[in-house]
Amino acid sequence: MVKLRVTWVKSAIRRRFDQKRTIKALGLRKLGHTVEHSDSPSVRGMLNKVHHLVSVEEAQD
């Protein structure tokens, strides 16, 4: 199973409300925080919405 490592790299302070909620739904708490998620269509959809605020890479197990 492929894992995605998502890092919050750009501030979302003056962004739309739905982008802020998406960042929170991904489990990112503060700038520079990194989380891992399983690769799924729902996660890909959330990442597509905030692609300019996060960095995404495949995690090596």
N, C-alpha and C. Protein backbone atom coordinates (compact mmCIF):
# COMPACT_ATOMS: atom_id res chain seq x y z
N MET A 1 0.84 -1.18 0.00
CA MET A 1 0.00 0.00 0.00
C MET A 1 0.89 1.25 0.00
N VAL A 2 0.56 2.18 -0.85
CA VAL A 2 1.34 3.40 -0.97
C VAL A 2 0.90 4.40 0.10
N LYS A 3 1.88 5.01 0.74
CA LYS A 3 1.61 6.06 1.73
C LYS A 3 2.08 7.39 1.15
N LEU A 4 1.36 8.44 1.48
CA LEU A 4 1.74 9.78 1.07
C LEU A 4 2.17 10.57 2.30
N ARG A 5 3.30 11.24 2.20
CA ARG A 5 3.77 12.11 3.27
C ARG A 5 3.41 13.55 2.88
N VAL A 6 2.58 14.18 3.70
CA VAL A 6 2.07 15.52 3.41
C VAL A 6 2.64 16.49 4.42
N THR A 7 3.25 17.57 3.94
CA THR A 7 3.83 18.59 4.80
C THR A 7 3.20 19.93 4.47
N TRP A 8 2.78 20.65 5.50
CA TRP A 8 2.20 21.98 5.33
C TRP A 8 3.35 22.96 5.18
N VAL A 9 3.47 23.62 4.01
CA VAL A 9 4.62 24.48 3.73
C VAL A 9 4.29 25.95 3.54
N LYS A 10 3.02 26.28 3.35
CA LYS A 10 2.66 27.67 3.11
C LYS A 10 1.45 28.02 3.95
N SER A 11 1.46 29.20 4.54
CA SER A 11 0.40 29.62 5.44
C SER A 11 -0.95 29.74 4.74
N ALA A 12 -1.99 29.39 5.47
CA ALA A 12 -3.35 29.45 4.93
C ALA A 12 -4.16 30.51 5.65
N ILE A 13 -3.51 31.50 6.21
CA ILE A 13 -4.21 32.49 7.03
C ILE A 13 -5.20 33.30 6.21
N ARG A 14 -4.81 33.74 5.05
CA ARG A 14 -5.72 34.57 4.24
C ARG A 14 -6.34 33.78 3.11
N ARG A 15 -6.51 32.50 3.32
CA ARG A 15 -7.10 31.63 2.30
C ARG A 15 -8.59 31.48 2.56
N ARG A 16 -9.26 30.86 1.60
CA ARG A 16 -10.69 30.61 1.76
C ARG A 16 -10.93 29.67 2.92
N PHE A 17 -12.10 29.77 3.50
CA PHE A 17 -12.45 28.97 4.68
C PHE A 17 -12.40 27.48 4.39
N ASP A 18 -12.83 27.06 3.19
CA ASP A 18 -12.82 25.64 2.87
C ASP A 18 -11.40 25.08 2.77
N GLN A 19 -10.44 25.90 2.37
CA GLN A 19 -9.05 25.45 2.34
C GLN A 19 -8.50 25.27 3.75
N LYS A 20 -8.87 26.15 4.66
CA LYS A 20 -8.45 26.01 6.05
C LYS A 20 -9.01 24.73 6.65
N ARG A 21 -10.28 24.44 6.35
CA ARG A 21 -10.90 23.21 6.87
C ARG A 21 -10.26 21.97 6.26
N THR A 22 -9.86 22.03 5.01
CA THR A 22 -9.21 20.90 4.36
C THR A 22 -7.86 20.62 5.00
N ILE A 23 -7.10 21.68 5.29
CA ILE A 23 -5.81 21.52 5.98
C ILE A 23 -6.02 20.83 7.32
N LYS A 24 -7.04 21.26 8.06
CA LYS A 24 -7.34 20.66 9.36
C LYS A 24 -7.79 19.21 9.20
N ALA A 25 -8.59 18.91 8.17
CA ALA A 25 -9.08 17.55 7.94
C ALA A 25 -7.95 16.60 7.57
N LEU A 26 -6.90 17.12 6.97
CA LEU A 26 -5.74 16.30 6.65
C LEU A 26 -4.91 15.99 7.90
N GLY A 27 -5.21 16.65 9.00
CA GLY A 27 -4.49 16.39 10.25
C GLY A 27 -3.29 17.29 10.46
N LEU A 28 -3.17 18.32 9.65
CA LEU A 28 -2.06 19.26 9.78
C LEU A 28 -2.41 20.32 10.82
N ARG A 29 -1.56 20.47 11.81
CA ARG A 29 -1.86 21.36 12.92
C ARG A 29 -1.17 22.71 12.84
N LYS A 30 0.08 22.73 12.36
CA LYS A 30 0.81 23.99 12.27
C LYS A 30 1.76 23.94 11.09
N LEU A 31 2.25 25.06 10.69
CA LEU A 31 3.15 25.18 9.55
C LEU A 31 4.38 24.31 9.78
N GLY A 32 4.73 23.49 8.80
CA GLY A 32 5.87 22.60 8.92
C GLY A 32 5.53 21.22 9.44
N HIS A 33 4.29 21.01 9.86
CA HIS A 33 3.85 19.72 10.39
C HIS A 33 3.71 18.72 9.24
N THR A 34 4.10 17.46 9.50
CA THR A 34 4.04 16.40 8.49
C THR A 34 3.19 15.25 8.99
N VAL A 35 2.34 14.72 8.11
CA VAL A 35 1.52 13.55 8.43
C VAL A 35 1.61 12.57 7.26
N GLU A 36 1.25 11.31 7.53
CA GLU A 36 1.21 10.30 6.48
C GLU A 36 -0.22 9.80 6.32
N HIS A 37 -0.63 9.62 5.07
CA HIS A 37 -1.96 9.12 4.74
C HIS A 37 -1.84 8.01 3.71
N SER A 38 -2.77 7.09 3.74
CA SER A 38 -2.85 6.08 2.67
C SER A 38 -3.30 6.77 1.40
N ASP A 39 -2.80 6.31 0.28
CA ASP A 39 -3.18 6.89 -1.00
C ASP A 39 -4.58 6.40 -1.36
N SER A 40 -5.53 7.33 -1.40
CA SER A 40 -6.91 7.01 -1.76
C SER A 40 -7.50 8.18 -2.54
N PRO A 41 -8.58 7.94 -3.26
CA PRO A 41 -9.20 9.02 -4.03
C PRO A 41 -9.66 10.20 -3.16
N SER A 42 -10.13 9.93 -1.95
CA SER A 42 -10.60 11.01 -1.10
C SER A 42 -9.44 11.89 -0.63
N VAL A 43 -8.32 11.27 -0.29
CA VAL A 43 -7.14 12.04 0.12
C VAL A 43 -6.59 12.81 -1.06
N ARG A 44 -6.55 12.18 -2.23
CA ARG A 44 -6.07 12.87 -3.44
C ARG A 44 -6.95 14.09 -3.76
N GLY A 45 -8.25 13.98 -3.55
CA GLY A 45 -9.15 15.10 -3.78
C GLY A 45 -8.88 16.25 -2.83
N MET A 46 -8.62 15.94 -1.55
CA MET A 46 -8.29 16.99 -0.59
C MET A 46 -6.97 17.65 -0.95
N LEU A 47 -5.99 16.85 -1.36
CA LEU A 47 -4.68 17.40 -1.73
C LEU A 47 -4.78 18.26 -2.99
N ASN A 48 -5.66 17.90 -3.90
CA ASN A 48 -5.86 18.69 -5.10
C ASN A 48 -6.39 20.08 -4.76
N LYS A 49 -7.19 20.15 -3.71
CA LYS A 49 -7.79 21.41 -3.29
C LYS A 49 -6.77 22.37 -2.67
N VAL A 50 -5.75 21.82 -2.01
CA VAL A 50 -4.77 22.66 -1.30
C VAL A 50 -3.34 22.39 -1.79
N HIS A 51 -3.19 22.00 -3.06
CA HIS A 51 -1.88 21.63 -3.60
C HIS A 51 -0.86 22.75 -3.51
N HIS A 52 -1.29 24.00 -3.50
CA HIS A 52 -0.38 25.13 -3.44
C HIS A 52 0.07 25.44 -2.01
N LEU A 53 -0.52 24.77 -1.01
CA LEU A 53 -0.17 25.01 0.39
C LEU A 53 0.63 23.87 1.00
N VAL A 54 0.68 22.71 0.34
CA VAL A 54 1.32 21.53 0.92
C VAL A 54 2.36 20.95 -0.04
N SER A 55 3.25 20.15 0.54
CA SER A 55 4.22 19.39 -0.23
C SER A 55 3.87 17.92 -0.04
N VAL A 56 3.83 17.16 -1.15
CA VAL A 56 3.43 15.75 -1.10
C VAL A 56 4.53 14.90 -1.71
N GLU A 57 4.88 13.81 -0.99
CA GLU A 57 5.84 12.85 -1.53
C GLU A 57 5.44 11.46 -1.08
N GLU A 58 5.88 10.46 -1.80
CA GLU A 58 5.60 9.08 -1.42
C GLU A 58 6.52 8.68 -0.29
N ALA A 59 5.94 8.06 0.73
CA ALA A 59 6.72 7.62 1.88
C ALA A 59 7.33 6.26 1.61
N GLN A 60 8.58 6.10 1.94
CA GLN A 60 9.28 4.82 1.77
C GLN A 60 9.17 4.03 3.06
N ASP A 61 8.63 2.82 2.99
CA ASP A 61 8.49 1.99 4.19
C ASP A 61 9.75 1.22 4.49
